[in-house]
Amino acid sequence: MTAPELRAALDVLGLSHEEAARRLGVTSRNLRHWLNGRAMPAKYAEQIDAWLDVVTIMPPEKLRGAIQAAGLSDADAAKQLSL
């Protein structure tokens, strides 16, 4: 994933740099390096791609409804979706 692709992905996902780093389990510094053009390890790019798949397959309002219908908290749903 290139730096412009990463920026676009974070915009689509509505994540700040700090929140994305936290959810990926990396430091904000690592994320800044990737945003500045350093190569991103494949496992993190794959995780972001998976998040994008969830958002593009199911719009946020439908996802929220499905989470509520399943009786899950946002935190539990995020864990199950690896977000």
N, C-alpha and C. Protein backbone atom coordinates (compact mmCIF):
# COMPACT_ATOMS: atom_id res chain seq x y z
N MET A 1 0.86 -1.17 0.00
CA MET A 1 0.00 0.00 0.00
C MET A 1 0.90 1.22 0.00
N THR A 2 0.65 2.11 -0.95
CA THR A 2 1.44 3.33 -1.06
C THR A 2 0.94 4.37 -0.06
N ALA A 3 1.73 5.41 0.14
CA ALA A 3 1.33 6.48 1.05
C ALA A 3 0.02 7.13 0.61
N PRO A 4 -0.15 7.46 -0.69
CA PRO A 4 -1.44 8.04 -1.10
C PRO A 4 -2.61 7.08 -0.89
N GLU A 5 -2.39 5.79 -1.12
CA GLU A 5 -3.45 4.80 -0.88
C GLU A 5 -3.80 4.73 0.60
N LEU A 6 -2.78 4.80 1.46
CA LEU A 6 -3.02 4.78 2.90
C LEU A 6 -3.81 6.01 3.33
N ARG A 7 -3.43 7.18 2.83
CA ARG A 7 -4.18 8.40 3.17
C ARG A 7 -5.64 8.27 2.75
N ALA A 8 -5.86 7.78 1.53
CA ALA A 8 -7.22 7.63 1.02
C ALA A 8 -8.00 6.62 1.87
N ALA A 9 -7.35 5.52 2.24
CA ALA A 9 -8.01 4.50 3.06
C ALA A 9 -8.43 5.07 4.41
N LEU A 10 -7.55 5.83 5.04
CA LEU A 10 -7.88 6.42 6.34
C LEU A 10 -9.04 7.40 6.21
N ASP A 11 -9.07 8.15 5.09
CA ASP A 11 -10.19 9.07 4.86
C ASP A 11 -11.50 8.31 4.70
N VAL A 12 -11.49 7.25 3.90
CA VAL A 12 -12.70 6.45 3.68
C VAL A 12 -13.18 5.84 5.00
N LEU A 13 -12.23 5.37 5.79
CA LEU A 13 -12.56 4.73 7.06
C LEU A 13 -12.90 5.73 8.16
N GLY A 14 -12.58 6.99 7.93
CA GLY A 14 -12.86 8.00 8.95
C GLY A 14 -11.98 7.87 10.17
N LEU A 15 -10.75 7.40 9.96
CA LEU A 15 -9.82 7.20 11.08
C LEU A 15 -8.74 8.28 11.09
N SER A 16 -8.46 8.78 12.27
CA SER A 16 -7.31 9.67 12.44
C SER A 16 -6.06 8.81 12.39
N HIS A 17 -4.92 9.45 12.22
CA HIS A 17 -3.66 8.71 12.21
C HIS A 17 -3.46 7.97 13.53
N GLU A 18 -3.79 8.65 14.62
CA GLU A 18 -3.59 8.05 15.93
C GLU A 18 -4.51 6.85 16.14
N GLU A 19 -5.77 6.99 15.73
CA GLU A 19 -6.72 5.89 15.88
C GLU A 19 -6.35 4.70 15.00
N ALA A 20 -5.92 4.98 13.79
CA ALA A 20 -5.50 3.89 12.89
C ALA A 20 -4.30 3.16 13.49
N ALA A 21 -3.34 3.90 14.01
CA ALA A 21 -2.16 3.27 14.62
C ALA A 21 -2.58 2.39 15.80
N ARG A 22 -3.46 2.91 16.63
CA ARG A 22 -3.93 2.14 17.79
C ARG A 22 -4.60 0.85 17.35
N ARG A 23 -5.48 0.95 16.37
CA ARG A 23 -6.22 -0.24 15.92
C ARG A 23 -5.31 -1.25 15.23
N LEU A 24 -4.25 -0.76 14.58
CA LEU A 24 -3.30 -1.67 13.95
C LEU A 24 -2.31 -2.26 14.95
N GLY A 25 -2.22 -1.64 16.12
CA GLY A 25 -1.27 -2.11 17.13
C GLY A 25 0.15 -1.66 16.84
N VAL A 26 0.28 -0.48 16.22
CA VAL A 26 1.60 0.08 15.92
C VAL A 26 1.69 1.46 16.54
N THR A 27 2.87 2.03 16.52
CA THR A 27 3.04 3.38 17.06
C THR A 27 2.60 4.41 16.01
N SER A 28 2.23 5.58 16.49
CA SER A 28 1.89 6.68 15.58
C SER A 28 3.09 7.02 14.70
N ARG A 29 4.27 6.83 15.25
CA ARG A 29 5.49 7.10 14.49
C ARG A 29 5.58 6.18 13.28
N ASN A 30 5.28 4.88 13.48
CA ASN A 30 5.31 3.96 12.35
C ASN A 30 4.33 4.40 11.28
N LEU A 31 3.12 4.75 11.69
CA LEU A 31 2.11 5.17 10.73
C LEU A 31 2.56 6.41 9.97
N ARG A 32 3.16 7.36 10.68
CA ARG A 32 3.67 8.57 10.01
C ARG A 32 4.73 8.21 8.97
N HIS A 33 5.60 7.26 9.30
CA HIS A 33 6.63 6.83 8.34
C HIS A 33 5.96 6.30 7.08
N TRP A 34 4.93 5.48 7.25
CA TRP A 34 4.24 4.91 6.09
C TRP A 34 3.54 6.00 5.29
N LEU A 35 2.97 6.98 5.99
CA LEU A 35 2.31 8.09 5.30
C LEU A 35 3.31 8.97 4.57
N ASN A 36 4.56 8.92 4.99
CA ASN A 36 5.62 9.69 4.33
C ASN A 36 6.37 8.88 3.29
N GLY A 37 5.88 7.69 2.96
CA GLY A 37 6.45 6.94 1.85
C GLY A 37 7.27 5.71 2.18
N ARG A 38 7.51 5.45 3.46
CA ARG A 38 8.22 4.22 3.81
C ARG A 38 7.33 3.02 3.53
N ALA A 39 7.93 1.92 3.16
CA ALA A 39 7.16 0.72 2.84
C ALA A 39 6.40 0.21 4.07
N MET A 40 5.14 -0.11 3.86
CA MET A 40 4.28 -0.64 4.92
C MET A 40 4.35 -2.17 4.85
N PRO A 41 4.59 -2.83 5.98
CA PRO A 41 4.57 -4.30 5.98
C PRO A 41 3.23 -4.83 5.47
N ALA A 42 3.29 -5.89 4.70
CA ALA A 42 2.10 -6.44 4.04
C ALA A 42 0.98 -6.76 5.03
N LYS A 43 1.32 -7.25 6.22
CA LYS A 43 0.26 -7.66 7.14
C LYS A 43 -0.62 -6.48 7.56
N TYR A 44 -0.04 -5.28 7.64
CA TYR A 44 -0.83 -4.10 8.00
C TYR A 44 -1.65 -3.61 6.81
N ALA A 45 -1.07 -3.66 5.63
CA ALA A 45 -1.81 -3.28 4.42
C ALA A 45 -3.00 -4.22 4.23
N GLU A 46 -2.81 -5.49 4.48
CA GLU A 46 -3.89 -6.47 4.36
C GLU A 46 -5.00 -6.18 5.37
N GLN A 47 -4.62 -5.78 6.57
CA GLN A 47 -5.62 -5.46 7.60
C GLN A 47 -6.45 -4.25 7.17
N ILE A 48 -5.80 -3.22 6.66
CA ILE A 48 -6.53 -2.04 6.20
C ILE A 48 -7.44 -2.40 5.03
N ASP A 49 -6.94 -3.24 4.12
CA ASP A 49 -7.78 -3.68 3.00
C ASP A 49 -9.02 -4.42 3.51
N ALA A 50 -8.86 -5.22 4.55
CA ALA A 50 -10.00 -5.94 5.12
C ALA A 50 -11.00 -4.96 5.72
N TRP A 51 -10.52 -3.91 6.39
CA TRP A 51 -11.42 -2.90 6.93
C TRP A 51 -12.19 -2.22 5.81
N LEU A 52 -11.50 -1.92 4.71
CA LEU A 52 -12.15 -1.28 3.58
C LEU A 52 -13.22 -2.20 2.98
N ASP A 53 -12.94 -3.49 2.94
CA ASP A 53 -13.93 -4.45 2.44
C ASP A 53 -15.20 -4.38 3.27
N VAL A 54 -15.07 -4.33 4.58
CA VAL A 54 -16.24 -4.27 5.45
C VAL A 54 -17.05 -3.01 5.16
N VAL A 55 -16.38 -1.89 5.03
CA VAL A 55 -17.06 -0.61 4.82
C VAL A 55 -17.71 -0.55 3.44
N THR A 56 -17.05 -1.08 2.42
CA THR A 56 -17.61 -1.00 1.08
C THR A 56 -18.68 -2.05 0.83
N ILE A 57 -18.60 -3.18 1.50
CA ILE A 57 -19.62 -4.22 1.33
C ILE A 57 -20.89 -3.84 2.07
N MET A 58 -20.74 -3.28 3.24
CA MET A 58 -21.90 -2.93 4.05
C MET A 58 -21.76 -1.49 4.51
N PRO A 59 -22.61 -0.60 3.98
CA PRO A 59 -22.54 0.80 4.40
C PRO A 59 -22.67 0.93 5.92
N PRO A 60 -22.07 1.98 6.49
CA PRO A 60 -22.05 2.14 7.94
C PRO A 60 -23.42 2.01 8.61
N GLU A 61 -24.46 2.58 8.00
CA GLU A 61 -25.78 2.52 8.65
C GLU A 61 -26.32 1.09 8.70
N LYS A 62 -26.04 0.29 7.67
CA LYS A 62 -26.47 -1.11 7.68
C LYS A 62 -25.63 -1.92 8.67
N LEU A 63 -24.34 -1.62 8.71
CA LEU A 63 -23.45 -2.31 9.65
C LEU A 63 -23.90 -2.05 11.08
N ARG A 64 -24.22 -0.78 11.40
CA ARG A 64 -24.67 -0.44 12.76
C ARG A 64 -25.95 -1.21 13.09
N GLY A 65 -26.88 -1.28 12.14
CA GLY A 65 -28.12 -2.03 12.37
C GLY A 65 -27.86 -3.51 12.60
N ALA A 66 -26.94 -4.08 11.85
CA ALA A 66 -26.61 -5.50 12.02
C ALA A 66 -25.95 -5.74 13.37
N ILE A 67 -25.12 -4.83 13.80
CA ILE A 67 -24.46 -4.96 15.11
C ILE A 67 -25.50 -4.90 16.22
N GLN A 68 -26.42 -3.95 16.11
CA GLN A 68 -27.46 -3.82 17.13
C GLN A 68 -28.38 -5.03 17.13
N ALA A 69 -28.74 -5.52 15.93
CA ALA A 69 -29.63 -6.69 15.84
C ALA A 69 -28.98 -7.92 16.45
N ALA A 70 -27.65 -8.01 16.36
CA ALA A 70 -26.93 -9.14 16.93
C ALA A 70 -26.71 -8.99 18.43
N GLY A 71 -27.09 -7.82 18.97
CA GLY A 71 -26.93 -7.59 20.40
C GLY A 71 -25.49 -7.38 20.82
N LEU A 72 -24.66 -6.92 19.90
CA LEU A 72 -23.24 -6.71 20.20
C LEU A 72 -22.98 -5.25 20.54
N SER A 73 -22.02 -5.03 21.41
CA SER A 73 -21.55 -3.66 21.64
C SER A 73 -20.64 -3.30 20.47
N ASP A 74 -20.38 -2.02 20.29
CA ASP A 74 -19.45 -1.60 19.24
C ASP A 74 -18.08 -2.24 19.44
N ALA A 75 -17.63 -2.30 20.69
CA ALA A 75 -16.32 -2.88 20.98
C ALA A 75 -16.28 -4.36 20.62
N ASP A 76 -17.33 -5.11 20.96
CA ASP A 76 -17.36 -6.54 20.63
C ASP A 76 -17.39 -6.75 19.12
N ALA A 77 -18.18 -5.94 18.43
CA ALA A 77 -18.25 -6.05 16.97
C ALA A 77 -16.90 -5.74 16.34
N ALA A 78 -16.24 -4.72 16.84
CA ALA A 78 -14.92 -4.36 16.31
C ALA A 78 -13.92 -5.49 16.51
N LYS A 79 -13.96 -6.14 17.66
CA LYS A 79 -13.06 -7.27 17.91
C LYS A 79 -13.35 -8.41 16.94
N GLN A 80 -14.62 -8.71 16.74
CA GLN A 80 -14.98 -9.81 15.84
C GLN A 80 -14.62 -9.52 14.40
N LEU A 81 -14.65 -8.24 14.02
CA LEU A 81 -14.30 -7.85 12.66
C LEU A 81 -12.82 -7.48 12.52
N SER A 82 -12.07 -7.63 13.60
CA SER A 82 -10.64 -7.27 13.62
C SER A 82 -10.42 -5.82 13.28
N LEU A 83 -11.26 -4.94 13.81
CA LEU A 83 -11.12 -3.51 13.55
C LEU A 83 -10.40 -2.82 14.69
